[in-house]
Amino acid sequence: MHYLDYAATSAIRPEAVAAAVHHFLTDVGASPGRGGHRRSIESGRIAFRCRRRLARVMGLPGNPGQITFMLNATHALNTAIHGVTRTGDAVVISPFDHNAVLRPVHALSRSRDIEVRMLEAAGDGSFDLDAAATMLEGARLLVVNAISNVLGSRLPLAELSKLARERGVLVLVDAAQSAGHLADHPGDCDVDLVAFTGHKGLLGPQGTGGLWVREGVEVEPFCTGGTGGDSALREMPPVYPDHLEAGTPNAPGLAGLLAGCDFVLERGVEALHTEECRLKARLREGLDSVKGVRVVSPPDPQGGAVVTIVADAMTPSELADELEKGWDVLCRAGLHCAPEAHRLLGTLETGALRFSLGWNSTEDDVDRAIAGVDAILSRTMATAPGFD
């Protein structure tokens, strides 16, 4: 199998991740903060170590307790967006945002009369920063996708964050595609909130993720309930992480996420990124040379390990199906939950085919994908009318 869909999920994980989940389920099993016995205490220690590792991997400053565990980046983004906005606020987003941002702000535009402002951007991931400065005036929140999941482009987080801070605008970073992939840290850009997921570059199981909140930033809880402590309070406890963590967490998943973070730190984020970028360049060059293929993602050699294409003779879904059936190459066709990015690229009606690399990708995976696309399209164009 040649798995090239890491931007969706790291479906291939280090053995240590599965071993950590198995160990937790067989030898720990209890929930953190839900008891004073040794199994619950050990579960709490695992959760605490996981917060510390996450802070190291993503360079999140301050108390690791400011990292609250969530189900995924979508849960974290909803918590942040709902938790900092009030009726009549303005929220600034971009065309590269995931539906985990687009849908919450759309819902709030109806329920809270939120004004949604979309930044002007180009298909290479660049922005009109002068226009952005104007758009940020009087806004409450800026949401920035650190890396586009469609283009693989690194968005100008530092520049946009600086403009926002100068205008008193809170900055929320969607780090779903950058956490575990980039050695550059969102915390270095003076941001206020960072949402991340555990099942992509951090190599953890699905159902893990979280939200980091800078100390002093007020976030109203999106979900309320039991926290394992301060149970007499009718409100959520004011102290993090309990302030935003309601209900029993995915403790087996956190054990796996801890192991994933340890693996990333042992390999080195920079080393992993360098190898992914090398393979990305090889994949891009190979696909760009295939007749009938248009590469729609920009080169961006330091961005995410994503190469997105469209083909003249086949729909993205048809090509993806042929690649899996005949070449055992697994990739993702469609809109990738980011319709505005596809609108910008002119692929909203058809979608596109995305190849994304990860920690376990090899030259063999890359060359197999290139050969498969070439062979499939050559055969299709040879038999279809209108191609010669």
Protein backbone atom coordinates (compact mmCIF):
# COMPACT_ATOMS: atom_id res chain seq x y z
CA MET A 1 0.00 0.00 0.00
CA HIS A 2 1.20 3.50 -0.87
CA TYR A 3 -0.59 5.78 1.56
CA LEU A 4 -0.54 9.43 0.47
CA ASP A 5 -3.36 10.95 2.52
CA TYR A 6 -1.54 12.15 5.63
CA ALA A 7 -3.19 15.58 5.47
CA ALA A 8 -6.45 13.82 6.32
CA THR A 9 -5.13 11.34 8.89
CA SER A 10 -1.82 9.67 9.69
CA ALA A 11 -3.39 6.27 9.12
CA ILE A 12 0.08 4.72 9.38
CA ARG A 13 1.48 5.36 12.85
CA PRO A 14 4.59 4.36 14.77
CA GLU A 15 4.17 1.05 16.57
CA ALA A 16 4.69 2.83 19.87
CA VAL A 17 1.38 4.65 19.46
CA ALA A 18 -0.70 1.48 19.26
CA ALA A 19 1.38 -0.05 22.07
CA ALA A 20 0.70 2.93 24.32
CA VAL A 21 -3.06 2.69 23.73
CA HIS A 22 -2.96 -1.05 24.41
CA HIS A 23 -0.93 -0.56 27.58
CA PHE A 24 -3.37 2.06 28.83
CA LEU A 25 -6.42 -0.09 28.20
CA THR A 26 -4.92 -3.18 29.80
CA ASP A 27 -2.86 -1.72 32.66
CA VAL A 28 -4.35 1.70 33.51
CA GLY A 29 -7.89 1.99 32.19
CA ALA A 30 -9.14 4.68 34.58
CA SER A 31 -9.95 8.33 33.84
CA PRO A 32 -7.79 11.27 34.93
CA GLY A 33 -9.23 13.23 37.84
CA ARG A 34 -11.97 10.70 38.46
CA GLY A 35 -10.68 9.09 41.62
CA GLY A 36 -7.87 9.12 44.16
CA HIS A 37 -6.72 5.56 43.53
CA ARG A 38 -3.50 4.67 41.76
CA ARG A 39 -5.04 3.90 38.37
CA SER A 40 -6.76 7.28 38.16
CA ILE A 41 -3.60 9.00 39.39
CA GLU A 42 -1.53 7.28 36.69
CA SER A 43 -4.10 8.30 34.07
CA GLY A 44 -3.76 11.89 35.28
CA ARG A 45 0.01 11.67 35.00
CA ILE A 46 -0.27 10.50 31.39
CA ALA A 47 -2.57 13.44 30.58
CA PHE A 48 -0.16 15.87 32.26
CA ARG A 49 2.83 14.46 30.37
CA CYS A 50 0.86 14.73 27.14
CA ARG A 51 0.21 18.45 27.76
CA ARG A 52 3.91 19.00 28.36
CA ARG A 53 4.92 17.16 25.17
CA LEU A 54 2.38 19.09 23.13
CA ALA A 55 3.78 22.35 24.47
CA ARG A 56 7.27 21.25 23.37
CA VAL A 57 6.27 20.08 19.90
CA MET A 58 4.28 23.24 19.12
CA GLY A 59 6.35 25.71 21.14
CA LEU A 60 3.41 26.85 23.23
CA PRO A 61 4.63 29.11 26.03
CA GLY A 62 3.61 29.31 29.67
CA ASN A 63 1.78 26.79 31.80
CA PRO A 64 1.00 23.51 29.94
CA GLY A 65 -2.32 23.58 31.78
CA GLN A 66 -3.42 26.22 29.28
CA ILE A 67 -3.69 23.33 26.80
CA THR A 68 -7.18 21.90 27.05
CA PHE A 69 -7.99 18.54 25.49
CA MET A 70 -10.72 18.36 22.87
CA LEU A 71 -12.01 15.77 20.42
CA ASN A 72 -10.23 17.31 17.42
CA ALA A 73 -9.38 20.65 15.83
CA THR A 74 -13.02 21.21 14.85
CA HIS A 75 -14.10 20.94 18.49
CA ALA A 76 -11.28 23.30 19.48
CA LEU A 77 -12.06 25.86 16.78
CA ASN A 78 -15.75 25.89 17.70
CA THR A 79 -14.85 26.34 21.36
CA ALA A 80 -12.57 29.27 20.58
CA ILE A 81 -14.85 31.02 18.07
CA HIS A 82 -17.98 30.67 20.18
CA GLY A 83 -16.08 31.41 23.36
CA VAL A 84 -14.55 34.78 22.48
CA THR A 85 -17.19 36.40 20.28
CA ARG A 86 -20.20 38.39 21.38
CA THR A 87 -23.27 39.74 19.57
CA GLY A 88 -22.33 42.14 16.79
CA ASP A 89 -18.60 41.32 16.76
CA ALA A 90 -16.63 41.13 13.52
CA VAL A 91 -14.59 38.00 12.70
CA VAL A 92 -11.95 38.02 9.97
CA ILE A 93 -11.32 34.76 8.12
CA SER A 94 -9.63 33.72 4.85
CA PRO A 95 -10.52 31.69 1.75
CA PHE A 96 -8.18 28.96 2.95
CA ASP A 97 -10.16 28.18 6.07
CA HIS A 98 -11.60 24.73 6.68
CA ASN A 99 -15.32 24.21 7.19
CA ALA A 100 -14.44 23.89 10.88
CA VAL A 101 -14.13 27.69 10.71
CA LEU A 102 -16.49 28.59 7.86
CA ARG A 103 -19.51 26.83 9.33
CA PRO A 104 -19.22 28.14 12.91
CA VAL A 105 -18.85 31.75 11.78
CA HIS A 106 -21.74 31.31 9.35
CA ALA A 107 -23.91 29.96 12.18
CA LEU A 108 -22.88 32.86 14.43
CA SER A 109 -23.67 35.38 11.70
CA ARG A 110 -27.29 34.29 12.13
CA SER A 111 -27.48 33.61 15.85
CA ARG A 112 -25.30 36.50 17.11
CA ASP A 113 -25.33 38.88 14.16
CA ILE A 114 -21.56 38.33 13.76
CA GLU A 115 -20.04 40.24 10.84
CA VAL A 116 -17.86 37.89 8.78
CA ARG A 117 -15.06 39.53 6.80
CA MET A 118 -13.03 37.44 4.34
CA LEU A 119 -9.47 38.45 3.54
CA GLU A 120 -8.38 38.96 -0.06
CA ALA A 121 -5.99 36.22 -1.15
CA ALA A 122 -4.44 34.66 -4.24
CA GLY A 123 -4.18 31.06 -5.36
CA ASP A 124 -0.57 30.83 -4.19
CA GLY A 125 -1.51 31.51 -0.57
CA SER A 126 -0.47 35.16 -0.57
CA PHE A 127 -2.56 37.99 0.86
CA ASP A 128 -3.09 41.68 0.24
CA LEU A 129 -1.72 42.82 3.60
CA ASP A 130 -2.79 46.44 3.09
CA ALA A 131 -6.36 45.30 2.56
CA ALA A 132 -6.01 42.98 5.55
CA ALA A 133 -4.97 45.87 7.78
CA THR A 134 -8.12 47.75 6.82
CA MET A 135 -10.33 44.70 7.29
CA LEU A 136 -8.96 44.08 10.78
CA GLU A 137 -9.98 47.51 12.02
CA GLY A 138 -12.63 47.11 14.71
CA ALA A 139 -12.66 43.30 14.50
CA ARG A 140 -12.81 41.01 17.51
CA LEU A 141 -11.10 37.91 16.11
CA LEU A 142 -8.78 36.86 13.28
CA VAL A 143 -8.67 33.18 12.33
CA VAL A 144 -5.57 32.03 10.44
CA ASN A 145 -4.93 28.62 8.93
CA ALA A 146 -1.19 28.04 9.45
CA ILE A 147 -1.01 25.77 6.38
CA SER A 148 -3.69 25.38 3.73
CA ASN A 149 -4.90 21.79 3.56
CA VAL A 150 -5.63 22.25 -0.16
CA LEU A 151 -2.53 24.12 -1.34
CA GLY A 152 0.03 23.11 1.25
CA SER A 153 1.01 26.78 1.39
CA ARG A 154 2.26 28.40 4.56
CA LEU A 155 0.08 31.41 5.17
CA PRO A 156 1.68 34.66 6.42
CA LEU A 157 0.86 34.04 10.07
CA ALA A 158 3.49 36.36 11.51
CA GLU A 159 2.52 39.29 9.29
CA LEU A 160 -1.22 38.87 9.82
CA SER A 161 -0.77 38.37 13.55
CA LYS A 162 1.27 41.57 13.81
CA LEU A 163 -1.42 43.53 12.01
CA ALA A 164 -4.06 42.06 14.30
CA ARG A 165 -2.15 42.75 17.51
CA GLU A 166 -1.58 46.36 16.50
CA ARG A 167 -5.36 46.73 16.27
CA GLY A 168 -6.26 44.84 19.44
CA VAL A 169 -7.67 41.85 17.56
CA LEU A 170 -7.45 38.36 19.04
CA VAL A 171 -5.63 35.79 16.87
CA LEU A 172 -6.77 32.16 16.60
CA VAL A 173 -4.49 29.77 14.69
CA ASP A 174 -5.79 26.61 13.04
CA ALA A 175 -2.70 24.40 13.41
CA ALA A 176 -4.32 21.18 12.18
CA GLN A 177 -1.88 20.92 9.26
CA SER A 178 1.20 22.41 10.93
CA ALA A 179 1.38 20.72 14.36
CA GLY A 180 4.14 18.13 14.19
CA HIS A 181 5.13 19.26 10.69
CA LEU A 182 6.63 22.73 11.18
CA ALA A 183 9.44 23.64 13.53
CA ASP A 184 8.23 27.25 13.43
CA HIS A 185 5.88 27.74 16.34
CA PRO A 186 2.62 29.71 16.38
CA GLY A 187 3.49 30.83 19.90
CA ASP A 188 6.41 32.78 18.44
CA CYS A 189 3.94 34.95 16.50
CA ASP A 190 2.25 36.39 19.60
CA VAL A 191 -1.08 34.67 18.99
CA ASP A 192 -3.85 34.13 21.53
CA LEU A 193 -5.34 30.74 20.74
CA VAL A 194 -4.08 27.64 18.91
CA ALA A 195 -6.37 24.81 17.83
CA PHE A 196 -4.82 21.47 16.86
CA THR A 197 -5.71 17.87 16.19
CA GLY A 198 -3.86 14.79 17.32
CA HIS A 199 -4.42 12.45 14.38
CA LYS A 200 -2.35 14.20 11.70
CA GLY A 201 1.25 15.37 12.17
CA LEU A 202 1.25 14.53 15.88
CA LEU A 203 0.64 10.87 14.97
CA GLY A 204 -1.94 10.24 17.68
CA PRO A 205 -5.31 8.47 17.45
CA GLN A 206 -8.49 10.04 16.14
CA GLY A 207 -10.59 11.70 18.82
CA THR A 208 -7.68 13.67 20.24
CA GLY A 209 -6.78 17.34 19.91
CA GLY A 210 -7.01 20.52 21.86
CA LEU A 211 -6.98 24.25 22.30
CA TRP A 212 -4.20 26.34 23.79
CA VAL A 213 -5.32 29.63 25.34
CA ARG A 214 -2.90 32.40 26.24
CA GLU A 215 -3.10 33.29 29.92
CA GLY A 216 -5.41 36.26 30.41
CA VAL A 217 -7.60 35.54 27.35
CA GLU A 218 -11.22 34.95 28.31
CA VAL A 219 -12.98 32.02 26.62
CA GLU A 220 -16.52 31.09 27.58
CA PRO A 221 -16.95 27.29 27.76
CA PHE A 222 -18.57 25.76 24.68
CA CYS A 223 -19.60 22.67 26.65
CA THR A 224 -20.24 22.43 30.38
CA GLY A 225 -20.32 19.49 32.73
CA GLY A 226 -18.20 17.41 35.06
CA THR A 227 -14.50 18.15 35.46
CA GLY A 228 -13.59 15.75 38.26
CA GLY A 229 -13.05 18.64 40.69
CA ASP A 230 -14.80 21.74 42.09
CA SER A 231 -18.03 19.79 41.78
CA ALA A 232 -20.03 22.11 44.07
CA LEU A 233 -19.74 24.98 41.56
CA ARG A 234 -22.66 25.60 39.22
CA GLU A 235 -20.30 27.27 36.75
CA MET A 236 -17.26 25.72 35.11
CA PRO A 237 -14.14 26.19 37.26
CA PRO A 238 -12.20 29.35 36.35
CA VAL A 239 -8.81 27.59 36.34
CA TYR A 240 -7.47 25.89 33.21
CA PRO A 241 -7.62 23.25 31.92
CA ASP A 242 -10.85 22.46 33.82
CA HIS A 243 -12.45 25.69 32.58
CA LEU A 244 -12.93 24.20 29.10
CA GLU A 245 -12.67 20.45 29.72
CA ALA A 246 -16.12 19.06 30.45
CA GLY A 247 -16.72 15.33 30.61
CA THR A 248 -14.46 12.31 30.60
CA PRO A 249 -11.55 12.75 28.20
CA ASN A 250 -10.32 10.21 25.66
CA ALA A 251 -7.67 8.91 28.04
CA PRO A 252 -6.56 5.93 25.85
CA GLY A 253 -6.23 8.36 22.95
CA LEU A 254 -4.13 10.72 25.06
CA ALA A 255 -1.77 7.85 25.88
CA GLY A 256 -1.39 7.28 22.14
CA LEU A 257 -0.98 11.00 21.49
CA LEU A 258 1.76 11.17 24.11
CA ALA A 259 3.60 8.35 22.32
CA GLY A 260 3.11 10.12 18.98
CA CYS A 261 4.56 13.35 20.36
CA ASP A 262 7.52 11.46 21.82
CA PHE A 263 8.18 9.92 18.41
CA VAL A 264 8.03 13.33 16.69
CA LEU A 265 10.38 14.85 19.25
CA GLU A 266 12.80 11.92 18.96
CA ARG A 267 12.91 12.17 15.15
CA GLY A 268 12.90 15.95 15.28
CA VAL A 269 10.22 18.14 13.73
CA GLU A 270 12.74 19.86 11.48
CA ALA A 271 14.18 16.56 10.24
CA LEU A 272 10.72 15.18 9.50
CA HIS A 273 9.74 18.36 7.67
CA THR A 274 12.93 18.41 5.61
CA GLU A 275 12.37 14.86 4.39
CA GLU A 276 8.70 15.49 3.63
CA CYS A 277 9.62 18.60 1.62
CA ARG A 278 12.25 16.65 -0.34
CA LEU A 279 9.68 14.04 -1.29
CA LYS A 280 7.13 16.74 -2.04
CA ALA A 281 9.49 18.35 -4.57
CA ARG A 282 10.06 14.95 -6.23
CA LEU A 283 6.31 14.29 -6.38
CA ARG A 284 5.49 17.74 -7.70
CA GLU A 285 8.15 17.61 -10.41
CA GLY A 286 7.01 14.16 -11.50
CA LEU A 287 3.31 15.01 -11.65
CA ASP A 288 4.00 18.30 -13.38
CA SER A 289 5.69 16.38 -16.21
CA VAL A 290 2.69 14.10 -16.81
CA LYS A 291 0.71 15.03 -19.90
CA GLY A 292 -2.83 16.13 -19.07
CA VAL A 293 -2.06 17.08 -15.46
CA ARG A 294 -2.28 20.55 -13.97
CA VAL A 295 -0.70 21.06 -10.58
CA VAL A 296 -2.85 23.63 -8.76
CA SER A 297 -0.88 23.89 -5.53
CA PRO A 298 2.13 26.26 -5.54
CA PRO A 299 5.67 24.92 -4.97
CA ASP A 300 6.19 26.53 -1.52
CA PRO A 301 9.25 24.39 -0.66
CA GLN A 302 8.93 25.12 3.07
CA GLY A 303 5.17 24.62 3.28
CA GLY A 304 3.07 21.56 3.91
CA ALA A 305 3.81 18.29 2.13
CA VAL A 306 0.82 18.56 -0.22
CA VAL A 307 0.61 18.34 -4.02
CA THR A 308 -2.85 18.92 -5.48
CA ILE A 309 -3.72 18.30 -9.13
CA VAL A 310 -6.53 18.19 -11.67
CA ALA A 311 -6.51 16.14 -14.87
CA ASP A 312 -7.97 16.96 -18.27
CA ALA A 313 -9.32 13.52 -19.08
CA MET A 314 -10.76 12.35 -15.77
CA THR A 315 -12.53 13.69 -12.71
CA PRO A 316 -10.49 13.69 -9.48
CA SER A 317 -12.67 10.96 -7.98
CA GLU A 318 -12.27 8.75 -11.06
CA LEU A 319 -8.52 9.16 -11.00
CA ALA A 320 -8.35 8.45 -7.27
CA ASP A 321 -10.42 5.30 -7.75
CA GLU A 322 -8.17 4.06 -10.55
CA LEU A 323 -5.05 4.77 -8.51
CA GLU A 324 -6.33 2.68 -5.61
CA LYS A 325 -7.64 -0.22 -7.68
CA GLY A 326 -4.77 -0.57 -10.11
CA TRP A 327 -1.79 0.94 -8.28
CA ASP A 328 -2.59 0.63 -4.56
CA VAL A 329 -2.08 4.38 -4.15
CA LEU A 330 -4.39 5.98 -1.58
CA CYS A 331 -5.04 9.72 -1.90
CA ARG A 332 -8.00 12.07 -1.55
CA ALA A 333 -10.31 13.59 -4.15
CA GLY A 334 -12.94 16.26 -3.51
CA LEU A 335 -13.19 19.69 -1.91
CA HIS A 336 -11.22 18.73 1.22
CA CYS A 337 -13.74 20.55 3.45
CA ALA A 338 -12.35 23.88 2.16
CA PRO A 339 -14.76 25.11 -0.53
CA GLU A 340 -13.52 28.72 -0.60
CA ALA A 341 -9.99 27.58 -1.43
CA HIS A 342 -11.37 25.60 -4.36
CA ARG A 343 -13.47 28.58 -5.42
CA LEU A 344 -10.25 30.59 -5.54
CA LEU A 345 -8.55 27.89 -7.63
CA GLY A 346 -11.49 27.47 -9.99
CA THR A 347 -12.05 23.87 -8.88
CA LEU A 348 -15.23 24.31 -6.85
CA GLU A 349 -17.36 22.37 -9.34
CA THR A 350 -14.96 19.48 -9.87
CA GLY A 351 -12.80 19.34 -6.78
CA ALA A 352 -9.18 18.24 -7.08
CA LEU A 353 -6.94 15.30 -6.24
CA ARG A 354 -4.62 15.77 -3.26
CA PHE A 355 -1.51 13.77 -2.48
CA SER A 356 -0.09 14.39 0.99
CA LEU A 357 3.06 12.97 2.54
CA GLY A 358 3.99 12.13 6.11
CA TRP A 359 6.55 10.62 8.44
CA ASN A 360 6.53 7.19 6.77
CA SER A 361 6.44 8.28 3.11
CA THR A 362 9.15 6.99 0.77
CA GLU A 363 10.50 7.60 -2.72
CA ASP A 364 8.78 4.38 -3.74
CA ASP A 365 5.41 5.84 -2.67
CA VAL A 366 6.09 8.99 -4.67
CA ASP A 367 7.31 7.20 -7.79
CA ARG A 368 4.39 4.78 -7.68
CA ALA A 369 1.92 7.68 -7.61
CA ILE A 370 3.62 9.42 -10.52
CA ALA A 371 3.76 6.24 -12.59
CA GLY A 372 0.14 5.46 -11.81
CA VAL A 373 -1.15 8.89 -12.82
CA ASP A 374 0.91 8.79 -16.02
CA ALA A 375 -0.27 5.32 -17.02
CA ILE A 376 -3.93 5.91 -16.20
CA LEU A 377 -4.13 9.23 -18.04
CA SER A 378 -2.13 7.96 -21.03
CA ARG A 379 -4.54 5.06 -21.43
CA THR A 380 -7.60 7.27 -20.94
CA MET A 381 -6.47 9.94 -23.40
CA ALA A 382 -5.55 7.31 -25.98
CA THR A 383 -9.11 5.96 -26.02
CA ALA A 384 -11.18 9.06 -25.28
CA PRO A 385 -12.32 11.39 -28.09
CA GLY A 386 -10.75 14.82 -28.17
CA PHE A 387 -7.28 13.78 -26.99
CA ASP A 388 -4.28 13.00 -29.14
